[in-house]
Protein backbone atom coordinates (compact mmCIF):
# COMPACT_ATOMS: atom_id res chain seq x y z
CA UNK A 1 0.00 0.00 0.00
CA UNK A 2 2.81 2.41 0.87
CA UNK A 3 4.30 1.86 -2.57
CA UNK A 4 1.02 2.81 -4.25
CA UNK A 5 0.61 5.89 -2.05
CA UNK A 6 4.16 6.85 -2.95
CA UNK A 7 3.38 6.53 -6.66
CA UNK A 8 0.31 8.76 -6.25
CA UNK A 9 2.26 11.43 -4.34
CA UNK A 10 5.14 11.43 -6.83
CA UNK A 11 2.65 11.47 -9.72
CA UNK A 12 0.83 14.47 -8.22
CA UNK A 13 4.12 16.30 -7.74
CA UNK A 14 5.27 15.68 -11.31
CA UNK A 15 1.87 16.69 -12.72
CA UNK A 16 1.73 19.93 -10.74
CA UNK A 17 5.34 20.95 -11.38
CA UNK A 18 5.16 19.78 -14.98
CA UNK A 19 2.04 21.87 -15.53
CA UNK A 20 3.73 24.91 -13.95
CA UNK A 21 6.87 24.55 -16.08
CA UNK A 22 4.82 23.98 -19.23
CA UNK A 23 2.84 27.17 -18.68
CA UNK A 24 5.93 29.23 -17.78
CA UNK A 25 7.89 28.03 -20.78
CA UNK A 26 5.04 28.25 -23.26
CA UNK A 27 4.05 31.75 -22.11
CA UNK A 28 7.64 32.91 -22.58
CA UNK A 29 7.68 31.42 -26.10
CA UNK A 30 4.32 33.04 -26.88
CA UNK A 31 5.52 36.44 -25.67
CA UNK A 32 8.63 36.10 -27.79
CA UNK A 33 6.36 35.42 -30.77
CA UNK A 34 4.40 38.63 -29.97
CA UNK A 35 1.06 36.93 -29.33
CA UNK A 36 -1.63 38.82 -27.41
CA UNK A 37 -2.31 38.07 -23.76
CA UNK A 38 -5.78 36.76 -24.70
CA UNK A 39 -4.33 34.23 -27.13
CA UNK A 40 -1.71 33.22 -24.55
CA UNK A 41 -4.37 32.65 -21.90
CA UNK A 42 -6.78 30.83 -24.19
CA UNK A 43 -4.28 28.49 -25.82
CA UNK A 44 -1.03 28.16 -23.91
CA UNK A 45 -2.26 28.60 -20.33
CA UNK A 46 -5.60 26.88 -20.95
CA UNK A 47 -3.99 23.85 -22.56
CA UNK A 48 -1.07 23.86 -20.11
CA UNK A 49 -3.23 23.69 -17.00
CA UNK A 50 -5.42 21.02 -18.62
CA UNK A 51 -2.45 18.89 -19.68
CA UNK A 52 -2.61 16.71 -16.52
CA UNK A 53 -6.27 15.85 -17.20
CA UNK A 54 -5.40 15.07 -20.83
CA UNK A 55 -2.54 12.72 -19.99
CA UNK A 56 -4.36 11.01 -17.11
CA UNK A 57 -7.46 10.36 -19.23
CA UNK A 58 -5.46 9.09 -22.22
CA UNK A 59 -3.50 6.73 -19.96
CA UNK A 60 -6.75 5.54 -18.37
CA UNK A 61 -8.46 5.03 -21.74
CA UNK A 62 -5.52 2.99 -23.05
CA UNK A 63 -5.59 0.91 -19.87
CA UNK A 64 -9.33 0.27 -20.32
CA UNK A 65 -10.22 2.29 -17.19
CA UNK A 66 -13.12 4.32 -18.61
CA UNK A 67 -14.32 5.10 -15.09
CA UNK A 68 -11.15 7.03 -14.34
CA UNK A 69 -11.11 8.76 -17.76
CA UNK A 70 -14.69 10.04 -17.37
CA UNK A 71 -14.48 10.63 -13.62
CA UNK A 72 -11.27 12.62 -14.01
CA UNK A 73 -12.85 15.08 -16.45
CA UNK A 74 -16.24 15.38 -14.74
CA UNK A 75 -14.65 15.63 -11.30
CA UNK A 76 -12.16 18.23 -12.55
CA UNK A 77 -14.96 20.33 -14.08
CA UNK A 78 -16.91 20.21 -10.82
CA UNK A 79 -13.75 21.14 -8.91
CA UNK A 80 -13.00 23.97 -11.35
CA UNK A 81 -16.25 25.76 -10.57
CA UNK A 82 -17.07 24.78 -6.99
CA UNK A 83 -13.58 24.44 -5.50
CA UNK A 84 -11.31 26.69 -7.57
CA UNK A 85 -13.68 29.61 -8.15
CA UNK A 86 -15.07 29.13 -4.65
CA UNK A 87 -11.64 29.55 -3.05
CA UNK A 88 -10.65 32.31 -5.48
CA UNK A 89 -13.80 34.36 -4.81
CA UNK A 90 -13.28 34.01 -1.06
CA UNK A 91 -9.85 35.60 -1.51
CA UNK A 92 -11.21 38.38 -3.72
CA UNK A 93 -14.50 38.98 -5.53
CA UNK A 94 -14.11 38.00 -9.19
CA UNK A 95 -15.13 40.36 -12.00
CA UNK A 96 -15.70 39.49 -15.64
CA UNK A 97 -16.80 41.11 -18.92
CA UNK A 98 -19.83 40.93 -21.18
CA UNK A 99 -18.25 38.54 -23.67
CA UNK A 100 -17.78 35.96 -20.93
CA UNK A 101 -21.48 36.15 -20.05
CA UNK A 102 -22.77 36.28 -23.62
CA UNK A 103 -20.40 33.89 -25.39
CA UNK A 104 -17.87 31.98 -23.29
CA UNK A 105 -20.13 30.57 -20.54
CA UNK A 106 -23.03 29.70 -22.91
CA UNK A 107 -20.62 27.80 -25.18
CA UNK A 108 -19.07 26.09 -22.15
CA UNK A 109 -22.54 24.94 -21.04
CA UNK A 110 -23.37 23.82 -24.59
CA UNK A 111 -20.23 21.67 -24.74
CA UNK A 112 -21.02 20.14 -21.34
CA UNK A 113 -24.59 19.26 -22.38
CA UNK A 114 -23.38 17.76 -25.67
CA UNK A 115 -20.78 15.68 -23.81
CA UNK A 116 -23.39 14.30 -21.39
CA UNK A 117 -25.82 13.49 -24.21
CA UNK A 118 -23.15 11.57 -26.13
CA UNK A 119 -21.84 9.81 -23.01
CA UNK A 120 -25.32 8.62 -21.97
CA UNK A 121 -25.85 6.95 -25.35
CA UNK A 122 -23.35 4.30 -24.30
CA UNK A 123 -19.90 4.73 -25.80
CA UNK A 124 -17.99 7.87 -26.78
CA UNK A 125 -16.72 6.66 -30.15
CA UNK A 126 -13.60 7.63 -32.07
CA UNK A 127 -15.74 9.67 -34.47
CA UNK A 128 -17.31 11.59 -31.58
CA UNK A 129 -13.85 12.22 -30.14
CA UNK A 130 -12.52 13.51 -33.47
CA UNK A 131 -15.56 15.79 -33.83
CA UNK A 132 -14.87 17.18 -30.35
CA UNK A 133 -11.26 17.98 -31.25
CA UNK A 134 -12.37 19.65 -34.50
CA UNK A 135 -14.93 21.71 -32.56
CA UNK A 136 -12.14 22.83 -30.24
CA UNK A 137 -10.00 23.91 -33.20
CA UNK A 138 -12.91 25.90 -34.66
CA UNK A 139 -13.75 27.47 -31.28
CA UNK A 140 -10.16 28.50 -30.56
CA UNK A 141 -9.68 29.80 -34.12
CA UNK A 142 -12.79 31.93 -33.80
CA UNK A 143 -11.63 33.30 -30.44
CA UNK A 144 -8.26 34.23 -31.94
CA UNK A 145 -9.88 35.85 -35.00
CA UNK A 146 -12.38 37.75 -32.86
CA UNK A 147 -9.67 38.99 -30.52
CA UNK A 148 -7.49 40.19 -33.38
CA UNK A 149 -10.48 41.90 -34.99
CA UNK A 150 -11.25 43.77 -31.77
CA UNK A 151 -7.63 44.57 -30.93
CA UNK A 152 -5.98 44.90 -34.33
CA UNK A 153 -4.37 48.20 -33.37
CA UNK A 154 -3.10 46.99 -29.99
CA UNK A 155 0.65 46.48 -29.65
CA UNK A 156 1.95 43.57 -27.61
CA UNK A 157 4.85 45.03 -25.64
CA UNK A 158 5.50 42.28 -23.11
CA UNK A 159 9.00 40.83 -23.14
CA UNK A 160 9.70 37.14 -22.50
CA UNK A 161 10.34 36.20 -18.87
CA UNK A 162 13.22 33.94 -19.88
CA UNK A 163 15.51 33.24 -22.86
CA UNK A 164 14.06 31.14 -25.65
CA UNK A 165 16.42 28.22 -25.00
CA UNK A 166 15.34 28.05 -21.35
CA UNK A 167 11.68 28.24 -22.33
CA UNK A 168 12.16 25.28 -24.69
CA UNK A 169 13.89 23.30 -21.93
CA UNK A 170 10.96 24.08 -19.62
CA UNK A 171 8.44 22.81 -22.18
CA UNK A 172 10.35 19.61 -23.01
CA UNK A 173 11.02 18.88 -19.33
CA UNK A 174 7.38 19.54 -18.50
CA UNK A 175 6.15 17.08 -21.14
CA UNK A 176 8.43 14.37 -19.73
CA UNK A 177 7.28 15.11 -16.15
CA UNK A 178 3.61 15.09 -17.17
CA UNK A 179 3.98 11.79 -19.03
CA UNK A 180 5.62 9.94 -16.14
CA UNK A 181 3.44 11.67 -13.56
CA UNK A 182 0.24 10.57 -15.31
CA UNK A 183 1.51 7.00 -15.66
CA UNK A 184 2.51 6.66 -12.00
CA UNK A 185 -0.66 8.34 -10.79
CA UNK A 186 -2.86 5.90 -12.73
CA UNK A 187 -0.85 2.90 -11.51
CA UNK A 188 -1.03 3.96 -7.88
CA UNK A 189 -4.71 4.95 -8.02
CA UNK A 190 -5.87 1.75 -9.71
CA UNK A 191 -3.96 -0.52 -7.33
CA UNK A 192 -5.07 1.49 -4.29
CA UNK A 193 -8.69 1.31 -5.45
CA UNK A 194 -8.49 -2.47 -5.76
CA UNK A 195 -6.88 -2.88 -2.34
CA UNK A 196 -9.40 -0.65 -0.55
CA UNK A 197 -12.44 -1.87 -2.49
CA UNK A 198 -13.12 1.62 -3.85
CA UNK A 199 -14.57 1.93 -7.35
CA UNK A 200 -12.66 3.58 -10.20
CA UNK A 201 -15.48 6.13 -10.46
CA UNK A 202 -14.89 7.41 -6.92
CA UNK A 203 -11.10 7.51 -7.35
CA UNK A 204 -11.43 9.44 -10.59
CA UNK A 205 -14.02 11.88 -9.27
CA UNK A 206 -12.14 12.77 -6.09
CA UNK A 207 -8.46 11.91 -5.72
CA UNK A 208 -7.34 12.18 -9.34
CA UNK A 209 -9.70 15.04 -10.24
CA UNK A 210 -8.49 17.16 -7.31
CA UNK A 211 -4.85 16.40 -8.04
CA UNK A 212 -5.01 17.27 -11.73
CA UNK A 213 -6.95 20.48 -10.91
CA UNK A 214 -4.11 21.85 -8.78
CA UNK A 215 -2.51 23.82 -11.66
CA UNK A 216 -5.81 25.66 -12.26
CA UNK A 217 -6.22 26.21 -8.51
CA UNK A 218 -2.82 27.80 -8.01
CA UNK A 219 -3.10 29.83 -11.24
CA UNK A 220 -6.48 31.22 -10.17
CA UNK A 221 -5.35 32.00 -6.62
CA UNK A 222 -2.30 33.89 -7.92
CA UNK A 223 -4.50 35.76 -10.41
CA UNK A 224 -6.81 36.84 -7.59
CA UNK A 225 -3.91 37.95 -5.38
CA UNK A 226 -2.59 40.08 -8.24
CA UNK A 227 -6.02 41.61 -8.91
CA UNK A 228 -6.52 39.74 -12.21
CA UNK A 229 -9.77 38.07 -11.18
CA UNK A 230 -11.16 38.07 -14.72
CA UNK A 231 -8.21 35.90 -15.68
CA UNK A 232 -9.16 33.44 -12.93
CA UNK A 233 -12.67 33.06 -14.35
CA UNK A 234 -11.31 32.80 -17.90
CA UNK A 235 -8.84 30.13 -16.80
CA UNK A 236 -11.64 27.99 -15.36
CA UNK A 237 -13.96 28.40 -18.34
CA UNK A 238 -11.13 27.64 -20.75
CA UNK A 239 -10.05 24.63 -18.72
CA UNK A 240 -13.57 23.16 -18.71
CA UNK A 241 -13.87 23.68 -22.46
CA UNK A 242 -10.51 21.96 -23.03
CA UNK A 243 -11.48 19.11 -20.70
CA UNK A 244 -14.64 18.36 -22.67
CA UNK A 245 -13.42 18.84 -26.23
CA UNK A 246 -9.71 18.08 -25.99
CA UNK A 247 -9.28 15.67 -23.06
CA UNK A 248 -12.33 13.51 -23.79
CA UNK A 249 -11.96 14.09 -27.53
CA UNK A 250 -8.35 12.93 -27.74
CA UNK A 251 -8.94 10.05 -25.32
CA UNK A 252 -11.95 8.76 -27.29
CA UNK A 253 -10.16 9.25 -30.61
CA UNK A 254 -7.36 6.99 -29.36
CA UNK A 255 -9.60 4.47 -27.63
CA UNK A 256 -13.46 4.59 -27.37
CA UNK A 257 -14.69 5.39 -23.84
CA UNK A 258 -17.64 3.80 -22.03
CA UNK A 259 -19.65 6.73 -20.67
CA UNK A 260 -23.14 5.43 -19.84
CA UNK A 261 -22.37 4.31 -16.27
CA UNK A 262 -25.49 5.25 -14.26
CA UNK A 263 -23.22 6.06 -11.33
CA UNK A 264 -22.14 9.20 -13.18
CA UNK A 265 -25.68 10.56 -13.65
CA UNK A 266 -25.61 12.68 -10.48
CA UNK A 267 -22.15 13.99 -11.37
CA UNK A 268 -23.25 14.91 -14.89
CA UNK A 269 -26.24 16.82 -13.52
CA UNK A 270 -24.15 18.60 -10.89
CA UNK A 271 -21.53 19.64 -13.46
CA UNK A 272 -24.16 21.31 -15.66
CA UNK A 273 -26.04 22.77 -12.66
CA UNK A 274 -22.86 24.38 -11.32
CA UNK A 275 -22.21 25.94 -14.73
CA UNK A 276 -25.72 27.42 -14.76
CA UNK A 277 -25.33 28.62 -11.16
CA UNK A 278 -22.04 30.33 -12.03
CA UNK A 279 -23.74 32.03 -14.97
CA UNK A 280 -26.53 33.28 -12.69
CA UNK A 281 -24.07 34.52 -10.04
CA UNK A 282 -22.03 36.46 -12.61
CA UNK A 283 -25.11 38.22 -13.97
CA UNK A 284 -25.23 40.28 -10.76
CA UNK A 285 -22.91 43.19 -11.55
CA UNK A 286 -20.77 40.75 -13.60
CA UNK A 287 -19.17 39.76 -10.29
CA UNK A 288 -18.74 36.55 -8.30
CA UNK A 289 -19.05 37.84 -4.71
CA UNK A 290 -17.29 36.37 -1.69
CA UNK A 291 -20.48 34.87 -0.25
CA UNK A 292 -21.20 33.22 -3.61
CA UNK A 293 -17.70 31.76 -3.61
CA UNK A 294 -18.32 30.44 -0.10
CA UNK A 295 -21.58 28.88 -1.26
CA UNK A 296 -19.81 27.15 -4.17
CA UNK A 297 -17.15 25.82 -1.81
CA UNK A 298 -19.80 24.42 0.54
CA UNK A 299 -21.39 22.65 -2.43
CA UNK A 300 -18.04 21.04 -3.23
CA UNK A 301 -17.53 19.89 0.36
CA UNK A 302 -21.06 18.43 0.40
CA UNK A 303 -20.34 16.75 -2.94
CA UNK A 304 -17.20 15.08 -1.58
CA UNK A 305 -19.10 13.89 1.50
CA UNK A 306 -21.97 12.56 -0.63
CA UNK A 307 -19.56 10.82 -3.04
CA UNK A 308 -17.77 9.12 -0.16
CA UNK A 309 -21.01 7.97 1.48
CA UNK A 310 -22.54 6.65 -1.76
CA UNK A 311 -19.39 4.68 -2.53
């Protein structure tokens, strides 16, 4: 048992540090290429913080552990809204803009509903996975085009935080750390689940989901402390979108995923309900207040308790 716990701890560490290094290196490369901060956040940071979920779910799909692949994504999405934004809003009320309310959140909810509908049909096929990845490409391309259209006269004056060679080393090292971290995390979690009699669904929804959400958590907390609360909300929305279209999409494209497990029904409903609740909260002065963040955090705590009891 100690060996499995050790694998989980080391896997968590490599995933978190790998995600951090990937974001730092990729942001430096993006700044050197004179990309806008919006494009950096949407692509580099969004994909970087979702990389642990992507690698964990791909490893799980290849190993035939559909419960972990689905539970990881659904649990991470629930944690993104209830835990990450809950904690972030408690630190500082989070503000956002009209585009987030009118475009980003509605599309996020649409992707979540589509994912649940496909999953409940039985199997998320390779074709469905490929369609999800293509939808992500179209969505990101439109965001980039729209941003450039609105800010075509804006100059990007940021300088890279590190030399290009160091940024490349960060990215390569991060990919290696993420690969091994995901592999060891899956090994330790699966063996621990078998030894303790805990289902893969519970392990994926709680332990793995919380661990792979740490990059988003720390990124959002730092954004709030620096007064960039809109970035915290954008990070979460982008991460959820990547989880649905990229993480599930790539995993299913590699190996079809069984998604109709009735045990996930409550989690599917909660994921969508939290997205709607976030949308409602943000409509009030386009702000997520501290008490609303506290309410979201209480929901997450209750969810963990309920998940543990049901298992």
